[in-house]
Amino acid sequence: MIHYEFLYHLTTLMPKMKILHRLRIVFGVFGALIAHTVEVWVFAWAYYFMHHSEGWGNLEGNFDGSLLDCLYFSFTTFTTLGFGDIEPSGDLRYLTGVESLTGLVLITWTASFLYLEMRRYWNLK
């Protein structure tokens, strides 16, 4: 839902912008990055609350339980980078899988969106 709303508003705003066509794409890239960052924060808060609640499992390894560590873990999971310095245990493992799949789908959606916007604004032939 977050991603759809961001991309929808970008699609409606970009044609109205009175700037160079190439700068519209830059605006689209930054808008998409903001959308991804918001989505990563949503997962980070979920990890934080689940880690500090009973029965959900833990994040272990190079992890101190802070929200910023949860954000770092969320970024590496969302992008499927997965350094491996923080590992989930228990039911948190399932959220990690869901976030990886979500990140893959949303990053691909963003790439498709930006490609279509480039075709619209750049005179590609």
PDB file of N, CA and C in Angstrom:
ATOM      1  N   MET A   1       0.819  -1.192   0.000  1.00  0.00           N
ATOM      2  CA  MET A   1       0.000   0.000   0.000  1.00  0.00           C
ATOM      3  C   MET A   1       0.869   1.265   0.000  1.00  0.00           C
ATOM      4  N   ILE A   2       1.915   1.262   0.809  1.00  0.00           N
ATOM      5  CA  ILE A   2       2.818   2.412   0.864  1.00  0.00           C
ATOM      6  C   ILE A   2       3.441   2.645  -0.507  1.00  0.00           C
ATOM      7  N   HIS A   3       3.936   1.594  -1.097  1.00  0.00           N
ATOM      8  CA  HIS A   3       4.635   1.708  -2.376  1.00  0.00           C
ATOM      9  C   HIS A   3       3.685   2.184  -3.474  1.00  0.00           C
ATOM     10  N   TYR A   4       2.501   1.624  -3.507  1.00  0.00           N
ATOM     11  CA  TYR A   4       1.516   2.031  -4.506  1.00  0.00           C
ATOM     12  C   TYR A   4       1.234   3.523  -4.394  1.00  0.00           C
ATOM     13  N   GLU A   5       0.999   3.998  -3.173  1.00  0.00           N
ATOM     14  CA  GLU A   5       0.674   5.411  -2.977  1.00  0.00           C
ATOM     15  C   GLU A   5       1.815   6.317  -3.429  1.00  0.00           C
ATOM     16  N   PHE A   6       3.039   5.965  -3.069  1.00  0.00           N
ATOM     17  CA  PHE A   6       4.180   6.776  -3.494  1.00  0.00           C
ATOM     18  C   PHE A   6       4.286   6.806  -5.013  1.00  0.00           C
ATOM     19  N   LEU A   7       4.230   5.648  -5.652  1.00  0.00           N
ATOM     20  CA  LEU A   7       4.382   5.612  -7.108  1.00  0.00           C
ATOM     21  C   LEU A   7       3.213   6.288  -7.813  1.00  0.00           C
ATOM     22  N   TYR A   8       2.015   6.141  -7.264  1.00  0.00           N
ATOM     23  CA  TYR A   8       0.845   6.800  -7.848  1.00  0.00           C
ATOM     24  C   TYR A   8       1.014   8.319  -7.813  1.00  0.00           C
ATOM     25  N   HIS A   9       1.427   8.830  -6.657  1.00  0.00           N
ATOM     26  CA  HIS A   9       1.605  10.280  -6.541  1.00  0.00           C
ATOM     27  C   HIS A   9       2.771  10.773  -7.400  1.00  0.00           C
ATOM     28  N   LEU A  10       3.808   9.983  -7.515  1.00  0.00           N
ATOM     29  CA  LEU A  10       4.904  10.363  -8.412  1.00  0.00           C
ATOM     30  C   LEU A  10       4.416  10.431  -9.855  1.00  0.00           C
ATOM     31  N   THR A  11       3.599   9.465 -10.259  1.00  0.00           N
ATOM     32  CA  THR A  11       3.077   9.429 -11.623  1.00  0.00           C
ATOM     33  C   THR A  11       2.208  10.641 -11.916  1.00  0.00           C
ATOM     34  N   THR A  12       1.442  11.085 -10.925  1.00  0.00           N
ATOM     35  CA  THR A  12       0.581  12.245 -11.152  1.00  0.00           C
ATOM     36  C   THR A  12       1.339  13.565 -11.034  1.00  0.00           C
ATOM     37  N   LEU A  13       2.386  13.607 -10.218  1.00  0.00           N
ATOM     38  CA  LEU A  13       3.148  14.848 -10.047  1.00  0.00           C
ATOM     39  C   LEU A  13       4.156  15.093 -11.163  1.00  0.00           C
ATOM     40  N   MET A  14       4.798  14.058 -11.628  1.00  0.00           N
ATOM     41  CA  MET A  14       5.904  14.229 -12.574  1.00  0.00           C
ATOM     42  C   MET A  14       5.500  14.941 -13.871  1.00  0.00           C
ATOM     43  N   PRO A  15       4.352  14.644 -14.476  1.00  0.00           N
ATOM     44  CA  PRO A  15       3.998  15.362 -15.712  1.00  0.00           C
ATOM     45  C   PRO A  15       3.732  16.852 -15.485  1.00  0.00           C
ATOM     46  N   LYS A  16       3.352  17.232 -14.274  1.00  0.00           N
ATOM     47  CA  LYS A  16       3.027  18.626 -13.972  1.00  0.00           C
ATOM     48  C   LYS A  16       4.258  19.461 -13.644  1.00  0.00           C
ATOM     49  N   MET A  17       5.381  18.819 -13.444  1.00  0.00           N
ATOM     50  CA  MET A  17       6.590  19.535 -13.048  1.00  0.00           C
ATOM     51  C   MET A  17       7.158  20.317 -14.228  1.00  0.00           C
ATOM     52  N   LYS A  18       7.489  21.558 -13.979  1.00  0.00           N
ATOM     53  CA  LYS A  18       8.036  22.416 -15.029  1.00  0.00           C
ATOM     54  C   LYS A  18       9.558  22.451 -14.904  1.00  0.00           C
ATOM     55  N   ILE A  19      10.151  21.266 -15.039  1.00  0.00           N
ATOM     56  CA  ILE A  19      11.605  21.130 -14.997  1.00  0.00           C
ATOM     57  C   ILE A  19      12.031  20.248 -16.165  1.00  0.00           C
ATOM     58  N   LEU A  20      13.319  20.156 -16.376  1.00  0.00           N
ATOM     59  CA  LEU A  20      13.831  19.306 -17.452  1.00  0.00           C
ATOM     60  C   LEU A  20      13.344  17.871 -17.287  1.00  0.00           C
ATOM     61  N   HIS A  21      13.129  17.214 -18.409  1.00  0.00           N
ATOM     62  CA  HIS A  21      12.649  15.835 -18.376  1.00  0.00           C
ATOM     63  C   HIS A  21      13.567  14.930 -17.569  1.00  0.00           C
ATOM     64  N   ARG A  22      14.855  15.121 -17.718  1.00  0.00           N
ATOM     65  CA  ARG A  22      15.810  14.272 -16.995  1.00  0.00           C
ATOM     66  C   ARG A  22      15.711  14.482 -15.489  1.00  0.00           C
ATOM     67  N   LEU A  23      15.429  15.706 -15.078  1.00  0.00           N
ATOM     68  CA  LEU A  23      15.282  15.970 -13.647  1.00  0.00           C
ATOM     69  C   LEU A  23      14.007  15.343 -13.085  1.00  0.00           C
ATOM     70  N   ARG A  24      13.014  15.163 -13.930  1.00  0.00           N
ATOM     71  CA  ARG A  24      11.806  14.463 -13.479  1.00  0.00           C
ATOM     72  C   ARG A  24      12.143  13.034 -13.064  1.00  0.00           C
ATOM     73  N   ILE A  25      13.012  12.397 -13.822  1.00  0.00           N
ATOM     74  CA  ILE A  25      13.415  11.031 -13.487  1.00  0.00           C
ATOM     75  C   ILE A  25      14.198  11.024 -12.183  1.00  0.00           C
ATOM     76  N   VAL A  26      15.060  12.011 -11.989  1.00  0.00           N
ATOM     77  CA  VAL A  26      15.802  12.112 -10.726  1.00  0.00           C
ATOM     78  C   VAL A  26      14.816  12.275  -9.569  1.00  0.00           C
ATOM     79  N   PHE A  27      13.800  13.104  -9.766  1.00  0.00           N
ATOM     80  CA  PHE A  27      12.748  13.264  -8.765  1.00  0.00           C
ATOM     81  C   PHE A  27      12.065  11.921  -8.495  1.00  0.00           C
ATOM     82  N   GLY A  28      11.796  11.170  -9.550  1.00  0.00           N
ATOM     83  CA  GLY A  28      11.182   9.850  -9.396  1.00  0.00           C
ATOM     84  C   GLY A  28      12.064   8.884  -8.630  1.00  0.00           C
ATOM     85  N   VAL A  29      13.364   8.915  -8.898  1.00  0.00           N
ATOM     86  CA  VAL A  29      14.304   8.039  -8.186  1.00  0.00           C
ATOM     87  C   VAL A  29      14.304   8.373  -6.700  1.00  0.00           C
ATOM     88  N   PHE A  30      14.403   9.663  -6.373  1.00  0.00           N
ATOM     89  CA  PHE A  30      14.415  10.043  -4.962  1.00  0.00           C
ATOM     90  C   PHE A  30      13.086   9.732  -4.282  1.00  0.00           C
ATOM     91  N   GLY A  31      11.986   9.914  -5.001  1.00  0.00           N
ATOM     92  CA  GLY A  31      10.683   9.557  -4.440  1.00  0.00           C
ATOM     93  C   GLY A  31      10.582   8.070  -4.146  1.00  0.00           C
ATOM     94  N   ALA A  32      11.091   7.253  -5.060  1.00  0.00           N
ATOM     95  CA  ALA A  32      11.079   5.799  -4.854  1.00  0.00           C
ATOM     96  C   ALA A  32      11.984   5.409  -3.691  1.00  0.00           C
ATOM     97  N   LEU A  33      13.137   6.067  -3.566  1.00  0.00           N
ATOM     98  CA  LEU A  33      14.028   5.779  -2.434  1.00  0.00           C
ATOM     99  C   LEU A  33      13.372   6.130  -1.102  1.00  0.00           C
ATOM    100  N   ILE A  34      12.620   7.218  -1.086  1.00  0.00           N
ATOM    101  CA  ILE A  34      11.892   7.569   0.137  1.00  0.00           C
ATOM    102  C   ILE A  34      10.857   6.497   0.449  1.00  0.00           C
ATOM    103  N   ALA A  35      10.148   6.021  -0.572  1.00  0.00           N
ATOM    104  CA  ALA A  35       9.161   4.954  -0.362  1.00  0.00           C
ATOM    105  C   ALA A  35       9.820   3.712   0.214  1.00  0.00           C
ATOM    106  N   HIS A  36      10.936   3.303  -0.349  1.00  0.00           N
ATOM    107  CA  HIS A  36      11.642   2.122   0.157  1.00  0.00           C
ATOM    108  C   HIS A  36      12.109   2.339   1.594  1.00  0.00           C
ATOM    109  N   THR A  37      12.573   3.528   1.899  1.00  0.00           N
ATOM    110  CA  THR A  37      13.033   3.814   3.258  1.00  0.00           C
ATOM    111  C   THR A  37      11.881   3.731   4.251  1.00  0.00           C
ATOM    112  N   VAL A  38      10.725   4.257   3.889  1.00  0.00           N
ATOM    113  CA  VAL A  38       9.549   4.155   4.766  1.00  0.00           C
ATOM    114  C   VAL A  38       9.191   2.688   4.990  1.00  0.00           C
ATOM    115  N   GLU A  39       9.224   1.898   3.933  1.00  0.00           N
ATOM    116  CA  GLU A  39       8.894   0.468   4.055  1.00  0.00           C
ATOM    117  C   GLU A  39       9.898  -0.263   4.940  1.00  0.00           C
ATOM    118  N   VAL A  40      11.166   0.067   4.811  1.00  0.00           N
ATOM    119  CA  VAL A  40      12.193  -0.551   5.657  1.00  0.00           C
ATOM    120  C   VAL A  40      11.960  -0.171   7.117  1.00  0.00           C
ATOM    121  N   TRP A  41      11.594   1.087   7.368  1.00  0.00           N
ATOM    122  CA  TRP A  41      11.301   1.516   8.743  1.00  0.00           C
ATOM    123  C   TRP A  41      10.117   0.747   9.332  1.00  0.00           C
ATOM    124  N   VAL A  42       9.102   0.470   8.526  1.00  0.00           N
ATOM    125  CA  VAL A  42       7.950  -0.305   9.022  1.00  0.00           C
ATOM    126  C   VAL A  42       8.416  -1.674   9.509  1.00  0.00           C
ATOM    127  N   PHE A  43       9.238  -2.334   8.718  1.00  0.00           N
ATOM    128  CA  PHE A  43       9.767  -3.636   9.138  1.00  0.00           C
ATOM    129  C   PHE A  43      10.690  -3.491  10.345  1.00  0.00           C
ATOM    130  N   ALA A  44      11.476  -2.424  10.406  1.00  0.00           N
ATOM    131  CA  ALA A  44      12.380  -2.216  11.544  1.00  0.00           C
ATOM    132  C   ALA A  44      11.589  -2.095  12.841  1.00  0.00           C
ATOM    133  N   TRP A  45      10.504  -1.343  12.816  1.00  0.00           N
ATOM    134  CA  TRP A  45       9.656  -1.229  14.013  1.00  0.00           C
ATOM    135  C   TRP A  45       9.062  -2.583  14.383  1.00  0.00           C
ATOM    136  N   ALA A  46       8.659  -3.361  13.391  1.00  0.00           N
ATOM    137  CA  ALA A  46       8.122  -4.699  13.678  1.00  0.00           C
ATOM    138  C   ALA A  46       9.183  -5.573  14.335  1.00  0.00           C
ATOM    139  N   TYR A  47      10.407  -5.554  13.809  1.00  0.00           N
ATOM    140  CA  TYR A  47      11.493  -6.320  14.437  1.00  0.00           C
ATOM    141  C   TYR A  47      11.741  -5.851  15.859  1.00  0.00           C
ATOM    142  N   TYR A  48      11.748  -4.549  16.054  1.00  0.00           N
ATOM    143  CA  TYR A  48      12.022  -3.990  17.374  1.00  0.00           C
ATOM    144  C   TYR A  48      10.986  -4.466  18.391  1.00  0.00           C
ATOM    145  N   PHE A  49       9.716  -4.336  18.039  1.00  0.00           N
ATOM    146  CA  PHE A  49       8.668  -4.738  18.978  1.00  0.00           C
ATOM    147  C   PHE A  49       8.623  -6.248  19.172  1.00  0.00           C
ATOM    148  N   MET A  50       8.834  -7.000  18.117  1.00  0.00           N
ATOM    149  CA  MET A  50       8.826  -8.458  18.255  1.00  0.00           C
ATOM    150  C   MET A  50      10.025  -8.942  19.065  1.00  0.00           C
ATOM    151  N   HIS A  51      11.179  -8.315  18.867  1.00  0.00           N
ATOM    152  CA  HIS A  51      12.374  -8.711  19.621  1.00  0.00           C
ATOM    153  C   HIS A  51      12.194  -8.443  21.115  1.00  0.00           C
ATOM    154  N   HIS A  52      11.509  -7.361  21.439  1.00  0.00           N
ATOM    155  CA  HIS A  52      11.333  -6.978  22.841  1.00  0.00           C
ATOM    156  C   HIS A  52      10.050  -7.536  23.448  1.00  0.00           C
ATOM    157  N   SER A  53       9.355  -8.398  22.741  1.00  0.00           N
ATOM    158  CA  SER A  53       8.146  -9.051  23.253  1.00  0.00           C
ATOM    159  C   SER A  53       8.419 -10.534  23.440  1.00  0.00           C
ATOM    160  N   GLU A  54       7.677 -11.137  24.321  1.00  0.00           N
ATOM    161  CA  GLU A  54       7.836 -12.566  24.600  1.00  0.00           C
ATOM    162  C   GLU A  54       7.283 -13.415  23.457  1.00  0.00           C
ATOM    163  N   GLY A  55       7.971 -14.491  23.154  1.00  0.00           N
ATOM    164  CA  GLY A  55       7.439 -15.517  22.272  1.00  0.00           C
ATOM    165  C   GLY A  55       7.669 -15.348  20.786  1.00  0.00           C
ATOM    166  N   TRP A  56       8.311 -14.261  20.356  1.00  0.00           N
ATOM    167  CA  TRP A  56       8.516 -14.046  18.928  1.00  0.00           C
ATOM    168  C   TRP A  56       9.891 -14.456  18.451  1.00  0.00           C
ATOM    169  N   GLY A  57      10.793 -14.699  19.357  1.00  0.00           N
ATOM    170  CA  GLY A  57      12.164 -15.017  18.979  1.00  0.00           C
ATOM    171  C   GLY A  57      13.062 -13.818  19.202  1.00  0.00           C
ATOM    172  N   ASN A  58      14.276 -13.914  18.710  1.00  0.00           N
ATOM    173  CA  ASN A  58      15.268 -12.868  18.944  1.00  0.00           C
ATOM    174  C   ASN A  58      16.080 -12.589  17.695  1.00  0.00           C
ATOM    175  N   LEU A  59      16.724 -11.449  17.732  1.00  0.00           N
ATOM    176  CA  LEU A  59      17.780 -11.139  16.779  1.00  0.00           C
ATOM    177  C   LEU A  59      19.079 -11.287  17.544  1.00  0.00           C
ATOM    178  N   GLU A  60      19.992 -12.070  16.989  1.00  0.00           N
ATOM    179  CA  GLU A  60      21.210 -12.428  17.720  1.00  0.00           C
ATOM    180  C   GLU A  60      22.443 -12.100  16.895  1.00  0.00           C
ATOM    181  N   GLY A  61      23.566 -12.045  17.562  1.00  0.00           N
ATOM    182  CA  GLY A  61      24.834 -11.757  16.897  1.00  0.00           C
ATOM    183  C   GLY A  61      25.309 -10.368  17.266  1.00  0.00           C
ATOM    184  N   ASN A  62      25.765  -9.629  16.282  1.00  0.00           N
ATOM    185  CA  ASN A  62      26.265  -8.270  16.491  1.00  0.00           C
ATOM    186  C   ASN A  62      25.072  -7.321  16.611  1.00  0.00           C
ATOM    187  N   PHE A  63      24.342  -7.430  17.706  1.00  0.00           N
ATOM    188  CA  PHE A  63      23.047  -6.771  17.875  1.00  0.00           C
ATOM    189  C   PHE A  63      22.886  -6.366  19.328  1.00  0.00           C
ATOM    190  N   ASP A  64      22.535  -5.100  19.561  1.00  0.00           N
ATOM    191  CA  ASP A  64      22.367  -4.633  20.939  1.00  0.00           C
ATOM    192  C   ASP A  64      20.917  -4.368  21.327  1.00  0.00           C
ATOM    193  N   GLY A  65      19.970  -4.670  20.443  1.00  0.00           N
ATOM    194  CA  GLY A  65      18.553  -4.497  20.757  1.00  0.00           C
ATOM    195  C   GLY A  65      18.009  -3.116  20.453  1.00  0.00           C
ATOM    196  N   SER A  66      18.830  -2.245  19.884  1.00  0.00           N
ATOM    197  CA  SER A  66      18.383  -0.878  19.602  1.00  0.00           C
ATOM    198  C   SER A  66      17.543  -0.830  18.323  1.00  0.00           C
ATOM    199  N   LEU A  67      16.782   0.243  18.207  1.00  0.00           N
ATOM    200  CA  LEU A  67      15.982   0.447  16.999  1.00  0.00           C
ATOM    201  C   LEU A  67      16.887   0.616  15.776  1.00  0.00           C
ATOM    202  N   LEU A  68      18.027   1.258  15.949  1.00  0.00           N
ATOM    203  CA  LEU A  68      18.942   1.429  14.811  1.00  0.00           C
ATOM    204  C   LEU A  68      19.526   0.101  14.342  1.00  0.00           C
ATOM    205  N   ASP A  69      19.785  -0.813  15.267  1.00  0.00           N
ATOM    206  CA  ASP A  69      20.228  -2.143  14.843  1.00  0.00           C
ATOM    207  C   ASP A  69      19.112  -2.869  14.098  1.00  0.00           C
ATOM    208  N   CYS A  70      17.877  -2.677  14.547  1.00  0.00           N
ATOM    209  CA  CYS A  70      16.737  -3.273  13.831  1.00  0.00           C
ATOM    210  C   CYS A  70      16.607  -2.655  12.442  1.00  0.00           C
ATOM    211  N   LEU A  71      16.860  -1.354  12.333  1.00  0.00           N
ATOM    212  CA  LEU A  71      16.817  -0.687  11.034  1.00  0.00           C
ATOM    213  C   LEU A  71      17.908  -1.228  10.111  1.00  0.00           C
ATOM    214  N   TYR A  72      19.103  -1.378  10.639  1.00  0.00           N
ATOM    215  CA  TYR A  72      20.210  -1.943   9.856  1.00  0.00           C
ATOM    216  C   TYR A  72      19.854  -3.350   9.367  1.00  0.00           C
ATOM    217  N   PHE A  73      19.332  -4.178  10.273  1.00  0.00           N
ATOM    218  CA  PHE A  73      18.948  -5.536   9.895  1.00  0.00           C
ATOM    219  C   PHE A  73      17.853  -5.501   8.831  1.00  0.00           C
ATOM    220  N   SER A  74      16.909  -4.584   8.993  1.00  0.00           N
ATOM    221  CA  SER A  74      15.823  -4.465   8.033  1.00  0.00           C
ATOM    222  C   SER A  74      16.338  -4.056   6.653  1.00  0.00           C
ATOM    223  N   PHE A  75      17.268  -3.111   6.593  1.00  0.00           N
ATOM    224  CA  PHE A  75      17.842  -2.712   5.302  1.00  0.00           C
ATOM    225  C   PHE A  75      18.562  -3.871   4.627  1.00  0.00           C
ATOM    226  N   THR A  76      19.343  -4.621   5.386  1.00  0.00           N
ATOM    227  CA  THR A  76      20.076  -5.734   4.767  1.00  0.00           C
ATOM    228  C   THR A  76      19.134  -6.855   4.344  1.00  0.00           C
ATOM    229  N   THR A  77      18.017  -6.990   5.030  1.00  0.00           N
ATOM    230  CA  THR A  77      17.041  -8.015   4.667  1.00  0.00           C
ATOM    231  C   THR A  77      16.211  -7.573   3.469  1.00  0.00           C
ATOM    232  N   PHE A  78      15.699  -6.338   3.492  1.00  0.00           N
ATOM    233  CA  PHE A  78      14.857  -5.804   2.421  1.00  0.00           C
ATOM    234  C   PHE A  78      15.582  -5.842   1.085  1.00  0.00           C
ATOM    235  N   THR A  79      16.855  -5.511   1.105  1.00  0.00           N
ATOM    236  CA  THR A  79      17.639  -5.495  -0.132  1.00  0.00           C
ATOM    237  C   THR A  79      18.215  -6.863  -0.471  1.00  0.00           C
ATOM    238  N   THR A  80      17.964  -7.837   0.347  1.00  0.00           N
ATOM    239  CA  THR A  80      18.480  -9.212   0.258  1.00  0.00           C
ATOM    240  C   THR A  80      20.003  -9.241   0.253  1.00  0.00           C
ATOM    241  N   LEU A  81      20.613  -8.223   0.833  1.00  0.00           N
ATOM    242  CA  LEU A  81      22.066  -8.180   0.952  1.00  0.00           C
ATOM    243  C   LEU A  81      22.545  -9.202   1.969  1.00  0.00           C
ATOM    244  N   GLY A  82      21.928  -9.210   3.143  1.00  0.00           N
ATOM    245  CA  GLY A  82      22.161 -10.230   4.153  1.00  0.00           C
ATOM    246  C   GLY A  82      23.604 -10.470   4.537  1.00  0.00           C
ATOM    247  N   PHE A  83      24.215  -9.533   5.234  1.00  0.00           N
ATOM    248  CA  PHE A  83      25.602  -9.718   5.676  1.00  0.00           C
ATOM    249  C   PHE A  83      25.769 -10.919   6.596  1.00  0.00           C
ATOM    250  N   GLY A  84      24.797 -11.211   7.429  1.00  0.00           N
ATOM    251  CA  GLY A  84      24.881 -12.360   8.324  1.00  0.00           C
ATOM    252  C   GLY A  84      25.419 -12.039   9.700  1.00  0.00           C
ATOM    253  N   ASP A  85      25.674 -10.768   9.979  1.00  0.00           N
ATOM    254  CA  ASP A  85      26.175 -10.413  11.305  1.00  0.00           C
ATOM    255  C   ASP A  85      25.067 -10.362  12.348  1.00  0.00           C
ATOM    256  N   ILE A  86      23.821 -10.280  11.913  1.00  0.00           N
ATOM    257  CA  ILE A  86      22.656 -10.375  12.798  1.00  0.00           C
ATOM    258  C   ILE A  86      21.777 -11.486  12.245  1.00  0.00           C
ATOM    259  N   GLU A  87      21.393 -12.416  13.118  1.00  0.00           N
ATOM    260  CA  GLU A  87      20.592 -13.561  12.681  1.00  0.00           C
ATOM    261  C   GLU A  87      19.306 -13.649  13.487  1.00  0.00           C
ATOM    262  N   PRO A  88      18.188 -13.916  12.813  1.00  0.00           N
ATOM    263  CA  PRO A  88      16.929 -14.091  13.532  1.00  0.00           C
ATOM    264  C   PRO A  88      16.791 -15.516  14.054  1.00  0.00           C
ATOM    265  N   SER A  89      16.085 -15.639  15.155  1.00  0.00           N
ATOM    266  CA  SER A  89      15.739 -16.966  15.665  1.00  0.00           C
ATOM    267  C   SER A  89      14.259 -16.955  16.029  1.00  0.00           C
ATOM    268  N   GLY A  90      13.682 -18.120  16.100  1.00  0.00           N
ATOM    269  CA  GLY A  90      12.263 -18.221  16.436  1.00  0.00           C
ATOM    270  C   GLY A  90      11.383 -17.730  15.297  1.00  0.00           C
ATOM    271  N   ASP A  91      10.221 -17.230  15.676  1.00  0.00           N
ATOM    272  CA  ASP A  91       9.247 -16.789  14.676  1.00  0.00           C
ATOM    273  C   ASP A  91       9.692 -15.559  13.885  1.00  0.00           C
ATOM    274  N   LEU A  92      10.664 -14.836  14.393  1.00  0.00           N
ATOM    275  CA  LEU A  92      11.194 -13.695  13.638  1.00  0.00           C
ATOM    276  C   LEU A  92      11.753 -14.115  12.283  1.00  0.00           C
ATOM    277  N   ARG A  93      12.146 -15.366  12.164  1.00  0.00           N
ATOM    278  CA  ARG A  93      12.670 -15.860  10.884  1.00  0.00           C
ATOM    279  C   ARG A  93      11.638 -15.726   9.774  1.00  0.00           C
ATOM    280  N   TYR A  94      10.365 -15.914  10.107  1.00  0.00           N
ATOM    281  CA  TYR A  94       9.318 -15.834   9.089  1.00  0.00           C
ATOM    282  C   TYR A  94       9.134 -14.400   8.599  1.00  0.00           C
ATOM    283  N   LEU A  95       9.201 -13.445   9.525  1.00  0.00           N
ATOM    284  CA  LEU A  95       9.111 -12.045   9.120  1.00  0.00           C
ATOM    285  C   LEU A  95      10.290 -11.669   8.227  1.00  0.00           C
ATOM    286  N   THR A  96      11.449 -12.224   8.515  1.00  0.00           N
ATOM    287  CA  THR A  96      12.633 -11.975   7.695  1.00  0.00           C
ATOM    288  C   THR A  96      12.412 -12.472   6.266  1.00  0.00           C
ATOM    289  N   GLY A  97      11.838 -13.646   6.121  1.00  0.00           N
ATOM    290  CA  GLY A  97      11.531 -14.170   4.788  1.00  0.00           C
ATOM    291  C   GLY A  97      10.515 -13.319   4.058  1.00  0.00           C
ATOM    292  N   VAL A  98       9.495 -12.877   4.778  1.00  0.00           N
ATOM    293  CA  VAL A  98       8.474 -12.023   4.169  1.00  0.00           C
ATOM    294  C   VAL A  98       9.092 -10.696   3.722  1.00  0.00           C
ATOM    295  N   GLU A  99       9.974 -10.134   4.558  1.00  0.00           N
ATOM    296  CA  GLU A  99      10.598  -8.867   4.174  1.00  0.00           C
ATOM    297  C   GLU A  99      11.497  -9.034   2.956  1.00  0.00           C
ATOM    298  N   SER A 100      12.242 -10.112   2.878  1.00  0.00           N
ATOM    299  CA  SER A 100      13.100 -10.345   1.706  1.00  0.00           C
ATOM    300  C   SER A 100      12.271 -10.433   0.433  1.00  0.00           C
ATOM    301  N   LEU A 101      11.191 -11.180   0.491  1.00  0.00           N
ATOM    302  CA  LEU A 101      10.322 -11.314  -0.674  1.00  0.00           C
ATOM    303  C   LEU A 101       9.668  -9.980  -1.023  1.00  0.00           C
ATOM    304  N   THR A 102       9.217  -9.261  -0.006  1.00  0.00           N
ATOM    305  CA  THR A 102       8.614  -7.946  -0.224  1.00  0.00           C
ATOM    306  C   THR A 102       9.613  -6.991  -0.866  1.00  0.00           C
ATOM    307  N   GLY A 103      10.825  -6.969  -0.346  1.00  0.00           N
ATOM    308  CA  GLY A 103      11.853  -6.099  -0.911  1.00  0.00           C
ATOM    309  C   GLY A 103      12.141  -6.425  -2.362  1.00  0.00           C
ATOM    310  N   LEU A 104      12.250  -7.704  -2.675  1.00  0.00           N
ATOM    311  CA  LEU A 104      12.504  -8.123  -4.052  1.00  0.00           C
ATOM    312  C   LEU A 104      11.399  -7.631  -4.983  1.00  0.00           C
ATOM    313  N   VAL A 105      10.150  -7.828  -4.578  1.00  0.00           N
ATOM    314  CA  VAL A 105       9.014  -7.423  -5.410  1.00  0.00           C
ATOM    315  C   VAL A 105       8.966  -5.901  -5.562  1.00  0.00           C
ATOM    316  N   LEU A 106       9.143  -5.172  -4.458  1.00  0.00           N
ATOM    317  CA  LEU A 106       9.017  -3.716  -4.521  1.00  0.00           C
ATOM    318  C   LEU A 106      10.186  -3.061  -5.254  1.00  0.00           C
ATOM    319  N   ILE A 107      11.379  -3.589  -5.104  1.00  0.00           N
ATOM    320  CA  ILE A 107      12.520  -3.044  -5.846  1.00  0.00           C
ATOM    321  C   ILE A 107      12.338  -3.297  -7.342  1.00  0.00           C
ATOM    322  N   THR A 108      11.818  -4.464  -7.699  1.00  0.00           N
ATOM    323  CA  THR A 108      11.541  -4.770  -9.104  1.00  0.00           C
ATOM    324  C   THR A 108      10.447  -3.864  -9.652  1.00  0.00           C
ATOM    325  N   TRP A 109       9.415  -3.631  -8.848  1.00  0.00           N
ATOM    326  CA  TRP A 109       8.327  -2.736  -9.239  1.00  0.00           C
ATOM    327  C   TRP A 109       8.883  -1.330  -9.497  1.00  0.00           C
ATOM    328  N   THR A 110       9.768  -0.872  -8.627  1.00  0.00           N
ATOM    329  CA  THR A 110      10.379   0.442  -8.799  1.00  0.00           C
ATOM    330  C   THR A 110      11.190   0.504 -10.086  1.00  0.00           C
ATOM    331  N   ALA A 111      11.950  -0.533 -10.376  1.00  0.00           N
ATOM    332  CA  ALA A 111      12.738  -0.555 -11.610  1.00  0.00           C
ATOM    333  C   ALA A 111      11.822  -0.474 -12.830  1.00  0.00           C
ATOM    334  N   SER A 112      10.717  -1.201 -12.812  1.00  0.00           N
ATOM    335  CA  SER A 112       9.763  -1.155 -13.928  1.00  0.00           C
ATOM    336  C   SER A 112       9.135   0.227 -14.049  1.00  0.00           C
ATOM    337  N   PHE A 113       8.764   0.795 -12.919  1.00  0.00           N
ATOM    338  CA  PHE A 113       8.176   2.138 -12.902  1.00  0.00           C
ATOM    339  C   PHE A 113       9.136   3.159 -13.508  1.00  0.00           C
ATOM    340  N   LEU A 114      10.385   3.129 -13.068  1.00  0.00           N
ATOM    341  CA  LEU A 114      11.360   4.097 -13.568  1.00  0.00           C
ATOM    342  C   LEU A 114      11.655   3.885 -15.051  1.00  0.00           C
ATOM    343  N   TYR A 115      11.662   2.645 -15.496  1.00  0.00           N
ATOM    344  CA  TYR A 115      11.856   2.367 -16.919  1.00  0.00           C
ATOM    345  C   TYR A 115      10.715   2.979 -17.738  1.00  0.00           C
ATOM    346  N   LEU A 116       9.490   2.772 -17.294  1.00  0.00           N
ATOM    347  CA  LEU A 116       8.342   3.326 -18.018  1.00  0.00           C
ATOM    348  C   LEU A 116       8.359   4.851 -18.011  1.00  0.00           C
ATOM    349  N   GLU A 117       8.739   5.442 -16.888  1.00  0.00           N
ATOM    350  CA  GLU A 117       8.822   6.901 -16.823  1.00  0.00           C
ATOM    351  C   GLU A 117       9.926   7.426 -17.738  1.00  0.00           C
ATOM    352  N   MET A 118      11.036   6.717 -17.809  1.00  0.00           N
ATOM    353  CA  MET A 118      12.113   7.130 -18.709  1.00  0.00           C
ATOM    354  C   MET A 118      11.654   7.072 -20.163  1.00  0.00           C
ATOM    355  N   ARG A 119      10.920   6.051 -20.507  1.00  0.00           N
ATOM    356  CA  ARG A 119      10.407   5.945 -21.885  1.00  0.00           C
ATOM    357  C   ARG A 119       9.464   7.095 -22.189  1.00  0.00           C
ATOM    358  N   ARG A 120       8.714   7.509 -21.186  1.00  0.00           N
ATOM    359  CA  ARG A 120       7.754   8.588 -21.397  1.00  0.00           C
ATOM    360  C   ARG A 120       8.460   9.934 -21.583  1.00  0.00           C
ATOM    361  N   TYR A 121       9.473  10.203 -20.794  1.00  0.00           N
ATOM    362  CA  TYR A 121      10.091  11.527 -20.778  1.00  0.00           C
ATOM    363  C   TYR A 121      11.353  11.641 -21.612  1.00  0.00           C
ATOM    364  N   TRP A 122      12.047  10.572 -21.817  1.00  0.00           N
ATOM    365  CA  TRP A 122      13.263  10.627 -22.617  1.00  0.00           C
ATOM    366  C   TRP A 122      12.904  10.169 -24.017  1.00  0.00           C
ATOM    367  N   ASN A 123      13.386  10.829 -24.979  1.00  0.00           N
ATOM    368  CA  ASN A 123      13.062  10.511 -26.361  1.00  0.00           C
ATOM    369  C   ASN A 123      13.914   9.328 -26.816  1.00  0.00           C
ATOM    370  N   LEU A 124      13.537   8.123 -26.380  1.00  0.00           N
ATOM    371  CA  LEU A 124      14.287   6.913 -26.735  1.00  0.00           C
ATOM    372  C   LEU A 124      13.739   6.340 -28.033  1.00  0.00           C
ATOM    373  N   LYS A 125      14.634   6.104 -28.989  1.00  0.00           N
ATOM    374  CA  LYS A 125      14.180   5.506 -30.249  1.00  0.00           C
ATOM    375  C   LYS A 125      15.176   4.513 -30.720  1.00  0.00           C
TER     376      LYS A 125
END
